[in-house]
Full PDB file with SEQRES, HELIX, SHEET, SSBOND, CRYST1, ORIGX, SCALE, CONECT and MASTER records, all heavy atoms in Angstrom:
SEQRES   1 A   34  GLN LYS ALA ARG SER VAL ALA PRO SER ILE LEU LEU GLY          
SEQRES   2 A   34  GLY ARG GLN ALA GLY ALA THR TRP GLY LYS LYS HIS GLY          
SEQRES   3 A   34  ALA ALA VAL ALA ALA ALA ALA MET                              
HELIX    1 AA1 LYS A    2  ALA A   33  1                                  32    
CRYST1    1.000    1.000    1.000  90.00  90.00  90.00 P 1           1          
ORIGX1      1.000000  0.000000  0.000000        0.00000                         
ORIGX2      0.000000  1.000000  0.000000        0.00000                         
ORIGX3      0.000000  0.000000  1.000000        0.00000                         
SCALE1      1.000000  0.000000  0.000000        0.00000                         
SCALE2      0.000000  1.000000  0.000000        0.00000                         
SCALE3      0.000000  0.000000  1.000000        0.00000                         
ATOM      1  N   GLN A   1       8.427 -22.688   1.937  1.00  0.00           N  
ATOM      2  CA  GLN A   1       8.496 -22.679   0.479  1.00  0.00           C  
ATOM      3  C   GLN A   1       7.343 -21.870  -0.105  1.00  0.00           C  
ATOM      4  O   GLN A   1       7.522 -21.115  -1.055  1.00  0.00           O  
ATOM      5  CB  GLN A   1       8.509 -24.106  -0.061  1.00  0.00           C  
ATOM      6  CG  GLN A   1       9.803 -24.833   0.277  1.00  0.00           C  
ATOM      7  CD  GLN A   1       9.770 -26.300  -0.104  1.00  0.00           C  
ATOM      8  OE1 GLN A   1       8.834 -26.786  -0.715  1.00  0.00           O  
ATOM      9  NE2 GLN A   1      10.812 -27.023   0.277  1.00  0.00           N  
ATOM     10  N   LYS A   2       6.157 -22.023   0.487  1.00  0.00           N  
ATOM     11  CA  LYS A   2       5.015 -21.246   0.015  1.00  0.00           C  
ATOM     12  C   LYS A   2       5.248 -19.762   0.271  1.00  0.00           C  
ATOM     13  O   LYS A   2       4.975 -18.923  -0.604  1.00  0.00           O  
ATOM     14  CB  LYS A   2       3.727 -21.688   0.699  1.00  0.00           C  
ATOM     15  CG  LYS A   2       2.523 -20.877   0.242  1.00  0.00           C  
ATOM     16  CD  LYS A   2       1.228 -21.312   0.878  1.00  0.00           C  
ATOM     17  CE  LYS A   2       0.081 -20.458   0.356  1.00  0.00           C  
ATOM     18  NZ  LYS A   2      -1.201 -20.868   0.919  1.00  0.00           N  
ATOM     19  N   ALA A   3       5.755 -19.431   1.455  1.00  0.00           N  
ATOM     20  CA  ALA A   3       6.006 -18.023   1.791  1.00  0.00           C  
ATOM     21  C   ALA A   3       6.973 -17.393   0.788  1.00  0.00           C  
ATOM     22  O   ALA A   3       6.748 -16.262   0.336  1.00  0.00           O  
ATOM     23  CB  ALA A   3       6.565 -17.911   3.215  1.00  0.00           C  
ATOM     24  N   ARG A   4       8.009 -18.129   0.417  1.00  0.00           N  
ATOM     25  CA  ARG A   4       8.962 -17.604  -0.574  1.00  0.00           C  
ATOM     26  C   ARG A   4       8.314 -17.469  -1.941  1.00  0.00           C  
ATOM     27  O   ARG A   4       8.554 -16.502  -2.656  1.00  0.00           O  
ATOM     28  CB  ARG A   4      10.182 -18.517  -0.668  1.00  0.00           C  
ATOM     29  CG  ARG A   4      11.214 -18.243   0.372  1.00  0.00           C  
ATOM     30  CD  ARG A   4      12.574 -18.856   0.059  1.00  0.00           C  
ATOM     31  NE  ARG A   4      12.563 -20.092  -0.695  1.00  0.00           N  
ATOM     32  CZ  ARG A   4      12.411 -21.309  -0.175  1.00  0.00           C  
ATOM     33  NH1 ARG A   4      12.251 -21.453   1.114  1.00  0.00           N  
ATOM     34  NH2 ARG A   4      12.431 -22.378  -0.933  1.00  0.00           N  
ATOM     35  N   SER A   5       7.490 -18.424  -2.315  1.00  0.00           N  
ATOM     36  CA  SER A   5       6.907 -18.391  -3.661  1.00  0.00           C  
ATOM     37  C   SER A   5       5.876 -17.281  -3.819  1.00  0.00           C  
ATOM     38  O   SER A   5       5.703 -16.746  -4.906  1.00  0.00           O  
ATOM     39  CB  SER A   5       6.301 -19.753  -4.033  1.00  0.00           C  
ATOM     40  OG  SER A   5       5.129 -19.991  -3.304  1.00  0.00           O  
ATOM     41  N   VAL A   6       5.186 -16.925  -2.730  1.00  0.00           N  
ATOM     42  CA  VAL A   6       4.158 -15.881  -2.839  1.00  0.00           C  
ATOM     43  C   VAL A   6       4.669 -14.499  -2.442  1.00  0.00           C  
ATOM     44  O   VAL A   6       3.943 -13.513  -2.592  1.00  0.00           O  
ATOM     45  CB  VAL A   6       2.900 -16.235  -2.012  1.00  0.00           C  
ATOM     46  CG1 VAL A   6       2.277 -17.533  -2.496  1.00  0.00           C  
ATOM     47  CG2 VAL A   6       3.193 -16.276  -0.530  1.00  0.00           C  
ATOM     48  N   ALA A   7       5.886 -14.413  -1.956  1.00  0.00           N  
ATOM     49  CA  ALA A   7       6.429 -13.124  -1.511  1.00  0.00           C  
ATOM     50  C   ALA A   7       6.350 -12.045  -2.588  1.00  0.00           C  
ATOM     51  O   ALA A   7       5.941 -10.915  -2.288  1.00  0.00           O  
ATOM     52  CB  ALA A   7       7.856 -13.292  -0.998  1.00  0.00           C  
ATOM     53  N   PRO A   8       6.714 -12.327  -3.846  1.00  0.00           N  
ATOM     54  CA  PRO A   8       6.612 -11.265  -4.858  1.00  0.00           C  
ATOM     55  C   PRO A   8       5.187 -10.752  -5.052  1.00  0.00           C  
ATOM     56  O   PRO A   8       4.967  -9.542  -5.177  1.00  0.00           O  
ATOM     57  CB  PRO A   8       7.131 -11.933  -6.140  1.00  0.00           C  
ATOM     58  CG  PRO A   8       8.010 -13.037  -5.666  1.00  0.00           C  
ATOM     59  CD  PRO A   8       7.362 -13.519  -4.385  1.00  0.00           C  
ATOM     60  N   SER A   9       4.199 -11.657  -5.038  1.00  0.00           N  
ATOM     61  CA  SER A   9       2.817 -11.199  -5.225  1.00  0.00           C  
ATOM     62  C   SER A   9       2.331 -10.434  -4.000  1.00  0.00           C  
ATOM     63  O   SER A   9       1.541  -9.489  -4.123  1.00  0.00           O  
ATOM     64  CB  SER A   9       1.886 -12.365  -5.555  1.00  0.00           C  
ATOM     65  OG  SER A   9       1.833 -13.281  -4.499  1.00  0.00           O  
ATOM     66  N   ILE A  10       2.794 -10.804  -2.816  1.00  0.00           N  
ATOM     67  CA  ILE A  10       2.434 -10.055  -1.610  1.00  0.00           C  
ATOM     68  C   ILE A  10       3.039  -8.651  -1.671  1.00  0.00           C  
ATOM     69  O   ILE A  10       2.373  -7.668  -1.345  1.00  0.00           O  
ATOM     70  CB  ILE A  10       2.880 -10.807  -0.340  1.00  0.00           C  
ATOM     71  CG1 ILE A  10       2.016 -12.055  -0.151  1.00  0.00           C  
ATOM     72  CG2 ILE A  10       2.826  -9.901   0.885  1.00  0.00           C  
ATOM     73  CD1 ILE A  10       2.466 -12.951   0.971  1.00  0.00           C  
ATOM     74  N   LEU A  11       4.285  -8.564  -2.096  1.00  0.00           N  
ATOM     75  CA  LEU A  11       4.928  -7.259  -2.228  1.00  0.00           C  
ATOM     76  C   LEU A  11       4.182  -6.383  -3.230  1.00  0.00           C  
ATOM     77  O   LEU A  11       3.900  -5.213  -2.955  1.00  0.00           O  
ATOM     78  CB  LEU A  11       6.391  -7.432  -2.657  1.00  0.00           C  
ATOM     79  CG  LEU A  11       7.226  -6.169  -2.772  1.00  0.00           C  
ATOM     80  CD1 LEU A  11       7.294  -5.433  -1.439  1.00  0.00           C  
ATOM     81  CD2 LEU A  11       8.616  -6.515  -3.254  1.00  0.00           C  
ATOM     82  N   LEU A  12       3.839  -6.952  -4.370  1.00  0.00           N  
ATOM     83  CA  LEU A  12       3.086  -6.210  -5.385  1.00  0.00           C  
ATOM     84  C   LEU A  12       1.721  -5.801  -4.850  1.00  0.00           C  
ATOM     85  O   LEU A  12       1.296  -4.649  -5.018  1.00  0.00           O  
ATOM     86  CB  LEU A  12       2.932  -7.047  -6.660  1.00  0.00           C  
ATOM     87  CG  LEU A  12       2.173  -6.401  -7.805  1.00  0.00           C  
ATOM     88  CD1 LEU A  12       2.859  -5.120  -8.269  1.00  0.00           C  
ATOM     89  CD2 LEU A  12       2.046  -7.376  -8.963  1.00  0.00           C  
ATOM     90  N   GLY A  13       1.036  -6.713  -4.195  1.00  0.00           N  
ATOM     91  CA  GLY A  13      -0.269  -6.398  -3.609  1.00  0.00           C  
ATOM     92  C   GLY A  13      -0.158  -5.304  -2.558  1.00  0.00           C  
ATOM     93  O   GLY A  13      -1.025  -4.428  -2.467  1.00  0.00           O  
ATOM     94  N   GLY A  14       0.908  -5.332  -1.783  1.00  0.00           N  
ATOM     95  CA  GLY A  14       1.136  -4.289  -0.782  1.00  0.00           C  
ATOM     96  C   GLY A  14       1.361  -2.924  -1.415  1.00  0.00           C  
ATOM     97  O   GLY A  14       0.853  -1.910  -0.925  1.00  0.00           O  
ATOM     98  N   ARG A  15       2.112  -2.912  -2.500  1.00  0.00           N  
ATOM     99  CA  ARG A  15       2.319  -1.646  -3.229  1.00  0.00           C  
ATOM    100  C   ARG A  15       0.993  -1.110  -3.757  1.00  0.00           C  
ATOM    101  O   ARG A  15       0.708   0.081  -3.658  1.00  0.00           O  
ATOM    102  CB  ARG A  15       3.280  -1.852  -4.393  1.00  0.00           C  
ATOM    103  CG  ARG A  15       4.708  -1.946  -3.989  1.00  0.00           C  
ATOM    104  CD  ARG A  15       5.582  -1.977  -5.225  1.00  0.00           C  
ATOM    105  NE  ARG A  15       6.874  -2.517  -4.889  1.00  0.00           N  
ATOM    106  CZ  ARG A  15       7.653  -3.171  -5.714  1.00  0.00           C  
ATOM    107  NH1 ARG A  15       7.266  -3.381  -6.958  1.00  0.00           N  
ATOM    108  NH2 ARG A  15       8.811  -3.624  -5.333  1.00  0.00           N  
ATOM    109  N   GLN A  16       0.208  -1.990  -4.344  1.00  0.00           N  
ATOM    110  CA  GLN A  16      -1.089  -1.568  -4.891  1.00  0.00           C  
ATOM    111  C   GLN A  16      -2.016  -1.091  -3.781  1.00  0.00           C  
ATOM    112  O   GLN A  16      -2.708  -0.076  -3.934  1.00  0.00           O  
ATOM    113  CB  GLN A  16      -1.729  -2.717  -5.677  1.00  0.00           C  
ATOM    114  CG  GLN A  16      -0.987  -3.042  -6.953  1.00  0.00           C  
ATOM    115  CD  GLN A  16      -1.444  -4.348  -7.600  1.00  0.00           C  
ATOM    116  OE1 GLN A  16      -2.089  -5.178  -6.985  1.00  0.00           O  
ATOM    117  NE2 GLN A  16      -1.086  -4.514  -8.867  1.00  0.00           N  
ATOM    118  N   ALA A  17      -2.012  -1.792  -2.652  1.00  0.00           N  
ATOM    119  CA  ALA A  17      -2.846  -1.379  -1.517  1.00  0.00           C  
ATOM    120  C   ALA A  17      -2.390  -0.018  -1.003  1.00  0.00           C  
ATOM    121  O   ALA A  17      -3.221   0.844  -0.674  1.00  0.00           O  
ATOM    122  CB  ALA A  17      -2.783  -2.424  -0.403  1.00  0.00           C  
ATOM    123  N   GLY A  18      -1.075   0.189  -0.946  1.00  0.00           N  
ATOM    124  CA  GLY A  18      -0.546   1.478  -0.497  1.00  0.00           C  
ATOM    125  C   GLY A  18      -0.945   2.612  -1.424  1.00  0.00           C  
ATOM    126  O   GLY A  18      -1.293   3.705  -0.970  1.00  0.00           O  
ATOM    127  N   ALA A  19      -0.894   2.357  -2.721  1.00  0.00           N  
ATOM    128  CA  ALA A  19      -1.298   3.383  -3.689  1.00  0.00           C  
ATOM    129  C   ALA A  19      -2.781   3.700  -3.551  1.00  0.00           C  
ATOM    130  O   ALA A  19      -3.182   4.873  -3.564  1.00  0.00           O  
ATOM    131  CB  ALA A  19      -0.985   2.914  -5.110  1.00  0.00           C  
ATOM    132  N   THR A  20      -3.588   2.677  -3.379  1.00  0.00           N  
ATOM    133  CA  THR A  20      -5.032   2.881  -3.202  1.00  0.00           C  
ATOM    134  C   THR A  20      -5.306   3.665  -1.925  1.00  0.00           C  
ATOM    135  O   THR A  20      -6.085   4.625  -1.918  1.00  0.00           O  
ATOM    136  CB  THR A  20      -5.765   1.519  -3.164  1.00  0.00           C  
ATOM    137  OG1 THR A  20      -5.519   0.836  -4.391  1.00  0.00           O  
ATOM    138  CG2 THR A  20      -7.256   1.691  -2.956  1.00  0.00           C  
ATOM    139  N   TRP A  21      -4.645   3.269  -0.844  1.00  0.00           N  
ATOM    140  CA  TRP A  21      -4.818   3.947   0.430  1.00  0.00           C  
ATOM    141  C   TRP A  21      -4.370   5.403   0.303  1.00  0.00           C  
ATOM    142  O   TRP A  21      -5.039   6.313   0.802  1.00  0.00           O  
ATOM    143  CB  TRP A  21      -4.021   3.234   1.517  1.00  0.00           C  
ATOM    144  CG  TRP A  21      -4.277   3.769   2.897  1.00  0.00           C  
ATOM    145  CD1 TRP A  21      -5.187   3.308   3.781  1.00  0.00           C  
ATOM    146  CD2 TRP A  21      -3.623   4.863   3.529  1.00  0.00           C  
ATOM    147  NE1 TRP A  21      -5.143   4.052   4.944  1.00  0.00           N  
ATOM    148  CE2 TRP A  21      -4.183   5.028   4.803  1.00  0.00           C  
ATOM    149  CE3 TRP A  21      -2.614   5.735   3.146  1.00  0.00           C  
ATOM    150  CZ2 TRP A  21      -3.777   6.003   5.701  1.00  0.00           C  
ATOM    151  CZ3 TRP A  21      -2.205   6.724   4.028  1.00  0.00           C  
ATOM    152  CH2 TRP A  21      -2.786   6.844   5.293  1.00  0.00           C  
ATOM    153  N   GLY A  22      -3.232   5.637  -0.354  1.00  0.00           N  
ATOM    154  CA  GLY A  22      -2.723   6.992  -0.521  1.00  0.00           C  
ATOM    155  C   GLY A  22      -3.674   7.879  -1.295  1.00  0.00           C  
ATOM    156  O   GLY A  22      -3.874   9.051  -0.950  1.00  0.00           O  
ATOM    157  N   LYS A  23      -4.281   7.339  -2.354  1.00  0.00           N  
ATOM    158  CA  LYS A  23      -5.252   8.118  -3.133  1.00  0.00           C  
ATOM    159  C   LYS A  23      -6.466   8.466  -2.289  1.00  0.00           C  
ATOM    160  O   LYS A  23      -7.026   9.554  -2.384  1.00  0.00           O  
ATOM    161  CB  LYS A  23      -5.683   7.343  -4.377  1.00  0.00           C  
ATOM    162  CG  LYS A  23      -4.628   7.294  -5.452  1.00  0.00           C  
ATOM    163  CD  LYS A  23      -5.088   6.467  -6.636  1.00  0.00           C  
ATOM    164  CE  LYS A  23      -3.982   6.332  -7.657  1.00  0.00           C  
ATOM    165  NZ  LYS A  23      -4.361   5.432  -8.759  1.00  0.00           N  
ATOM    166  N   LYS A  24      -6.887   7.523  -1.451  1.00  0.00           N  
ATOM    167  CA  LYS A  24      -8.093   7.719  -0.652  1.00  0.00           C  
ATOM    168  C   LYS A  24      -7.841   8.665   0.528  1.00  0.00           C  
ATOM    169  O   LYS A  24      -8.683   9.500   0.855  1.00  0.00           O  
ATOM    170  CB  LYS A  24      -8.602   6.368  -0.143  1.00  0.00           C  
ATOM    171  CG  LYS A  24      -9.889   6.452   0.648  1.00  0.00           C  
ATOM    172  CD  LYS A  24     -10.384   5.066   1.015  1.00  0.00           C  
ATOM    173  CE  LYS A  24     -11.689   5.149   1.804  1.00  0.00           C  
ATOM    174  NZ  LYS A  24     -12.161   3.806   2.172  1.00  0.00           N  
ATOM    175  N   HIS A  25      -6.687   8.527   1.178  1.00  0.00           N  
ATOM    176  CA  HIS A  25      -6.461   9.243   2.432  1.00  0.00           C  
ATOM    177  C   HIS A  25      -5.342  10.283   2.382  1.00  0.00           C  
ATOM    178  O   HIS A  25      -5.167  11.031   3.350  1.00  0.00           O  
ATOM    179  CB  HIS A  25      -6.138   8.244   3.557  1.00  0.00           C  
ATOM    180  CG  HIS A  25      -7.228   7.265   3.811  1.00  0.00           C  
ATOM    181  ND1 HIS A  25      -8.420   7.611   4.409  1.00  0.00           N  
ATOM    182  CD2 HIS A  25      -7.316   5.937   3.541  1.00  0.00           C  
ATOM    183  CE1 HIS A  25      -9.186   6.550   4.502  1.00  0.00           C  
ATOM    184  NE2 HIS A  25      -8.538   5.513   3.980  1.00  0.00           N  
ATOM    185  N   GLY A  26      -4.571  10.328   1.307  1.00  0.00           N  
ATOM    186  CA  GLY A  26      -3.406  11.213   1.242  1.00  0.00           C  
ATOM    187  C   GLY A  26      -3.741  12.676   1.470  1.00  0.00           C  
ATOM    188  O   GLY A  26      -3.060  13.374   2.239  1.00  0.00           O  
ATOM    189  N   ALA A  27      -4.791  13.170   0.824  1.00  0.00           N  
ATOM    190  CA  ALA A  27      -5.164  14.584   0.965  1.00  0.00           C  
ATOM    191  C   ALA A  27      -5.589  14.891   2.395  1.00  0.00           C  
ATOM    192  O   ALA A  27      -5.224  15.937   2.955  1.00  0.00           O  
ATOM    193  CB  ALA A  27      -6.277  14.944  -0.018  1.00  0.00           C  
ATOM    194  N   ALA A  28      -6.329  13.985   3.022  1.00  0.00           N  
ATOM    195  CA  ALA A  28      -6.770  14.203   4.404  1.00  0.00           C  
ATOM    196  C   ALA A  28      -5.583  14.196   5.361  1.00  0.00           C  
ATOM    197  O   ALA A  28      -5.534  15.004   6.305  1.00  0.00           O  
ATOM    198  CB  ALA A  28      -7.789  13.140   4.806  1.00  0.00           C  
ATOM    199  N   VAL A  29      -4.634  13.311   5.139  1.00  0.00           N  
ATOM    200  CA  VAL A  29      -3.437  13.254   5.991  1.00  0.00           C  
ATOM    201  C   VAL A  29      -2.641  14.552   5.840  1.00  0.00           C  
ATOM    202  O   VAL A  29      -2.195  15.144   6.830  1.00  0.00           O  
ATOM    203  CB  VAL A  29      -2.579  12.016   5.644  1.00  0.00           C  
ATOM    204  CG1 VAL A  29      -1.220  12.082   6.314  1.00  0.00           C  
ATOM    205  CG2 VAL A  29      -3.307  10.738   6.044  1.00  0.00           C  
ATOM    206  N   ALA A  30      -2.465  15.021   4.601  1.00  0.00           N  
ATOM    207  CA  ALA A  30      -1.725  16.263   4.354  1.00  0.00           C  
ATOM    208  C   ALA A  30      -2.440  17.443   5.006  1.00  0.00           C  
ATOM    209  O   ALA A  30      -1.799  18.306   5.623  1.00  0.00           O  
ATOM    210  CB  ALA A  30      -1.568  16.490   2.852  1.00  0.00           C  
ATOM    211  N   ALA A  31      -3.769  17.505   4.899  1.00  0.00           N  
ATOM    212  CA  ALA A  31      -4.535  18.595   5.499  1.00  0.00           C  
ATOM    213  C   ALA A  31      -4.414  18.567   7.025  1.00  0.00           C  
ATOM    214  O   ALA A  31      -4.250  19.613   7.664  1.00  0.00           O  
ATOM    215  CB  ALA A  31      -5.999  18.509   5.075  1.00  0.00           C  
ATOM    216  N   ALA A  32      -4.472  17.394   7.620  1.00  0.00           N  
ATOM    217  CA  ALA A  32      -4.337  17.270   9.072  1.00  0.00           C  
ATOM    218  C   ALA A  32      -2.944  17.705   9.519  1.00  0.00           C  
ATOM    219  O   ALA A  32      -2.795  18.381  10.550  1.00  0.00           O  
ATOM    220  CB  ALA A  32      -4.629  15.832   9.512  1.00  0.00           C  
ATOM    221  N   ALA A  33      -1.924  17.332   8.756  1.00  0.00           N  
ATOM    222  CA  ALA A  33      -0.556  17.736   9.098  1.00  0.00           C  
ATOM    223  C   ALA A  33      -0.406  19.259   9.011  1.00  0.00           C  
ATOM    224  O   ALA A  33       0.237  19.881   9.865  1.00  0.00           O  
ATOM    225  CB  ALA A  33       0.446  17.041   8.178  1.00  0.00           C  
ATOM    226  N   MET A  34      -0.994  19.876   7.978  1.00  0.00           N  
ATOM    227  CA  MET A  34      -0.948  21.337   7.842  1.00  0.00           C  
ATOM    228  C   MET A  34      -1.674  22.001   9.004  1.00  0.00           C  
ATOM    229  O   MET A  34      -1.205  23.005   9.556  1.00  0.00           O  
ATOM    230  CB  MET A  34      -1.564  21.774   6.517  1.00  0.00           C  
ATOM    231  CG  MET A  34      -0.726  21.406   5.308  1.00  0.00           C  
ATOM    232  SD  MET A  34       0.903  22.151   5.341  1.00  0.00           S  
ATOM    233  CE  MET A  34       0.514  23.760   4.696  1.00  0.00           C  
TER     234      MET A  34                                                      
MASTER        0    0    0    1    0    0    0    6  233    1    0    3          
END                                                                             
């Protein structure tokens, strides 16, 4: 029940973490791929 109730906030937190990670590392990942 707890897992279901917190799932939306975990999903939102994951999106925010992904955006933060992308801003921090996205350019370096793109440069390495190039």
